[in-house]
Amino acid sequence: MHFETHFILNREHYAECFDQSMLLKGPQKPRFAFIAGLIIAGLFFLFVTDVQGLLAWFFFGIAVLEYFSFKYKRPWWLMRQMMSKNAGNKITLIFDDQGIENKSVYINNQLAWQSIDSFYETDTGFMLNLHQGGQQYLSKSCLDEAIQSYIQQQLSGKKQPMIRSEK
């Protein structure tokens, strides 16, 4: 069998990918120990050593950056994705007996069915857990019922129960 579909790699798609991946990761906490270590290092360089205060302020700045990178994780991630060269381009997904082929202007990637260890089905898509340790998200917004059934058929026996995290 051979199925083909298209979508645009836009902000809405990236937002859906981020939101669905956060559902599986559960609630995140800031790295308080790391932030505290940076502040302590800054205080050390500011009051204990003869090093210029600039190094201390560098550590304070990194601590503040670490905190805001957690607090504004979603907008920060979306901004970085929207700055990528593939943002705004048309993506073609081809599903066949070998696997899932992802084609765009800049990227041509083949994902074999055998390289998918397990998957989760959410309300809006499929999160594929890869043998190499990564994850790949497929949005249902561009997949018709036939493609969704084909994916489930190819990955039968690999489905994981969806564990919703409480926020």
Foldseek 3Di string as FASTA:
>chain_A
DKDKWKDAQELVVLLVVVVVVCQQVADDDQPVVQLVVLQVVLVCCCPPDPDDNVVSVVSNVVSVVSVVCVVPVSVVVSVVVCPDPRHGWMWMWMQDQQGIWIDTPVDTDGDGLVQFQAWEQDPFWIWTQGVVGDIDTDGCVTPDPVRVVVNCVSRPPRYDYRDGHDD
